N, C-alpha and C. Protein backbone atom coordinates (compact mmCIF):
# COMPACT_ATOMS: atom_id res chain seq x y z
N MET A 1 95.81 -9.71 50.17
CA MET A 1 95.53 -8.54 50.57
C MET A 1 94.13 -8.35 51.08
N PRO A 2 94.10 -7.92 52.24
CA PRO A 2 92.65 -7.70 52.24
C PRO A 2 91.88 -6.37 51.87
N ILE A 3 90.57 -6.42 51.65
CA ILE A 3 89.71 -5.63 51.12
C ILE A 3 88.88 -4.67 52.08
N TYR A 4 89.22 -3.08 52.32
CA TYR A 4 88.53 -2.27 53.48
C TYR A 4 87.75 -1.31 52.75
N THR A 5 86.55 -1.24 53.67
CA THR A 5 85.65 -0.76 53.04
C THR A 5 85.60 0.90 53.82
N TYR A 6 85.74 1.94 52.97
CA TYR A 6 85.59 3.43 53.48
C TYR A 6 84.22 4.07 53.37
N GLU A 7 83.97 5.11 54.07
CA GLU A 7 83.15 5.83 53.68
C GLU A 7 83.52 7.35 53.27
N CYS A 8 83.19 7.99 52.32
CA CYS A 8 83.43 9.29 52.01
C CYS A 8 82.24 10.17 52.17
N GLU A 9 82.69 11.42 52.85
CA GLU A 9 81.58 12.25 52.91
C GLU A 9 80.75 12.27 51.74
N GLU A 10 81.12 12.64 50.79
CA GLU A 10 80.65 13.10 49.17
C GLU A 10 80.12 11.94 48.62
N CYS A 11 81.21 10.93 48.24
CA CYS A 11 80.86 9.94 47.43
C CYS A 11 80.25 8.68 48.12
N GLY A 12 80.08 8.26 49.32
CA GLY A 12 79.46 7.47 49.85
C GLY A 12 80.60 6.12 50.25
N GLU A 13 80.16 4.94 50.24
CA GLU A 13 81.20 3.69 50.54
C GLU A 13 81.69 3.55 49.16
N TYR A 14 82.89 2.97 49.36
CA TYR A 14 83.72 2.35 48.47
C TYR A 14 84.70 1.39 49.15
N GLN A 15 85.33 0.31 48.10
CA GLN A 15 86.36 -0.69 48.97
C GLN A 15 87.69 -0.39 48.17
N LYS A 16 88.67 -0.76 48.90
CA LYS A 16 89.85 -0.78 48.51
C LYS A 16 90.76 -1.79 48.95
N GLU A 17 91.68 -2.36 48.12
CA GLU A 17 92.64 -3.31 48.67
C GLU A 17 93.69 -2.84 49.16
N GLN A 18 94.07 -3.03 50.30
CA GLN A 18 95.28 -2.44 50.83
C GLN A 18 96.12 -3.71 51.73
N ARG A 19 97.27 -3.37 51.99
CA ARG A 19 98.31 -4.11 52.76
C ARG A 19 97.90 -3.90 54.17
N ILE A 20 97.87 -4.83 55.06
CA ILE A 20 97.67 -4.47 56.54
C ILE A 20 98.46 -3.72 57.26
N THR A 21 99.81 -3.52 56.54
CA THR A 21 100.95 -2.27 57.18
C THR A 21 100.47 -0.80 56.47
N GLU A 22 99.78 -0.88 55.48
CA GLU A 22 99.43 0.41 55.04
C GLU A 22 98.57 1.22 55.64
N GLU A 23 98.78 2.40 56.08
CA GLU A 23 97.96 3.52 56.84
C GLU A 23 96.48 3.53 56.01
N PRO A 24 95.54 3.74 56.85
CA PRO A 24 94.12 3.79 56.42
C PRO A 24 94.02 5.24 55.49
N ASP A 25 93.21 5.30 54.40
CA ASP A 25 92.91 6.25 53.80
C ASP A 25 92.34 7.42 54.64
N THR A 26 92.83 8.62 54.30
CA THR A 26 92.02 9.95 54.94
C THR A 26 91.47 10.83 53.85
N VAL A 27 91.74 10.77 52.78
CA VAL A 27 91.10 11.53 51.76
C VAL A 27 90.67 10.46 50.52
N CYS A 28 89.47 11.05 50.02
CA CYS A 28 89.02 9.99 48.87
C CYS A 28 89.75 10.39 47.71
N GLU A 29 90.05 9.26 46.93
CA GLU A 29 90.93 9.28 45.77
C GLU A 29 90.06 10.14 44.72
N LEU A 30 88.65 9.92 44.81
CA LEU A 30 87.90 10.71 43.49
C LEU A 30 87.48 12.03 43.72
N CYS A 31 87.07 12.42 44.95
CA CYS A 31 86.54 13.90 45.36
C CYS A 31 87.48 14.88 46.25
N ARG A 32 88.39 13.97 46.64
CA ARG A 32 89.22 14.55 47.82
C ARG A 32 88.67 15.02 49.10
N SER A 33 87.54 14.20 49.34
CA SER A 33 86.77 14.41 50.58
C SER A 33 87.33 13.75 51.95
N LYS A 34 86.89 14.04 52.81
CA LYS A 34 87.39 13.10 54.46
C LYS A 34 86.85 11.90 54.03
N THR A 35 87.54 10.74 54.53
CA THR A 35 87.13 9.43 54.50
C THR A 35 87.38 8.89 55.72
N ARG A 36 86.66 7.65 56.27
CA ARG A 36 87.13 6.89 57.40
C ARG A 36 86.54 5.42 57.05
N ARG A 37 87.69 4.67 57.71
CA ARG A 37 87.33 3.36 57.50
C ARG A 37 86.14 2.65 58.56
N LEU A 38 85.76 1.77 57.60
CA LEU A 38 84.47 1.22 58.21
C LEU A 38 84.82 -0.29 58.90
N ILE A 39 84.29 -0.69 59.75
CA ILE A 39 84.46 -1.88 60.32
C ILE A 39 83.40 -3.14 59.35
N SER A 40 84.15 -4.01 58.75
CA SER A 40 82.95 -4.76 58.03
C SER A 40 82.47 -5.89 59.01
N GLY A 41 81.08 -6.21 58.46
CA GLY A 41 80.28 -7.29 59.47
C GLY A 41 80.74 -8.65 58.88
N GLY A 42 80.79 -8.85 57.44
CA GLY A 42 81.13 -10.04 57.13
C GLY A 42 82.50 -10.56 56.79
N THR A 43 82.86 -11.69 57.51
CA THR A 43 84.08 -12.47 57.44
C THR A 43 83.96 -13.72 57.05
N SER A 44 85.11 -14.26 56.65
CA SER A 44 84.96 -15.80 56.14
C SER A 44 85.43 -16.81 57.38
N PHE A 45 86.13 -16.16 58.59
CA PHE A 45 86.58 -16.87 59.50
C PHE A 45 85.36 -17.20 60.26
N ALA A 46 85.28 -18.20 60.68
CA ALA A 46 84.26 -19.02 61.63
C ALA A 46 84.65 -20.30 62.29
N LEU A 47 84.19 -20.34 63.66
CA LEU A 47 84.56 -21.67 64.37
C LEU A 47 83.21 -22.30 64.48
N ARG A 48 83.30 -23.45 63.84
CA ARG A 48 81.84 -24.18 63.83
C ARG A 48 82.07 -25.55 64.38
N GLY A 49 80.94 -26.32 64.98
CA GLY A 49 81.11 -27.48 65.14
C GLY A 49 81.24 -27.39 66.75
N SER A 50 81.31 -28.66 67.63
CA SER A 50 81.54 -28.75 69.01
C SER A 50 82.61 -29.21 69.30
N CYS A 51 83.24 -28.84 70.43
CA CYS A 51 84.60 -29.01 70.99
C CYS A 51 85.82 -28.75 70.11
N TRP A 52 85.77 -28.02 69.38
CA TRP A 52 86.88 -27.63 68.29
C TRP A 52 88.17 -27.41 68.82
N GLU A 53 88.23 -27.22 70.26
CA GLU A 53 89.43 -26.94 70.87
C GLU A 53 90.22 -28.27 71.13
N LYS A 54 89.18 -29.25 70.95
CA LYS A 54 89.91 -30.58 71.34
C LYS A 54 90.72 -31.24 69.97
N ASP A 55 90.78 -30.49 68.91
CA ASP A 55 91.36 -30.85 67.93
C ASP A 55 92.93 -30.74 67.72
N GLY A 56 93.24 -30.15 68.68
CA GLY A 56 94.80 -30.12 68.92
C GLY A 56 94.84 -28.52 68.45
N TYR A 57 94.13 -27.87 68.26
CA TYR A 57 94.39 -26.27 67.81
C TYR A 57 94.04 -25.45 69.02
N SER A 58 93.96 -25.76 70.05
CA SER A 58 93.78 -24.96 71.42
C SER A 58 94.91 -23.99 71.84
């Protein structure tokens, strides 16, 4: 399951493990303030090397 980062108006940032099919949180579980899901910059997916498409994965 992916881990999503949320920003709460009162508490700040927190992370939550959710299924992809679940609706994003709109209310903080701790203080009941409004939240929004952030776009994470870090990911483990990377295409490295030269000519990676020639490996049969194009």
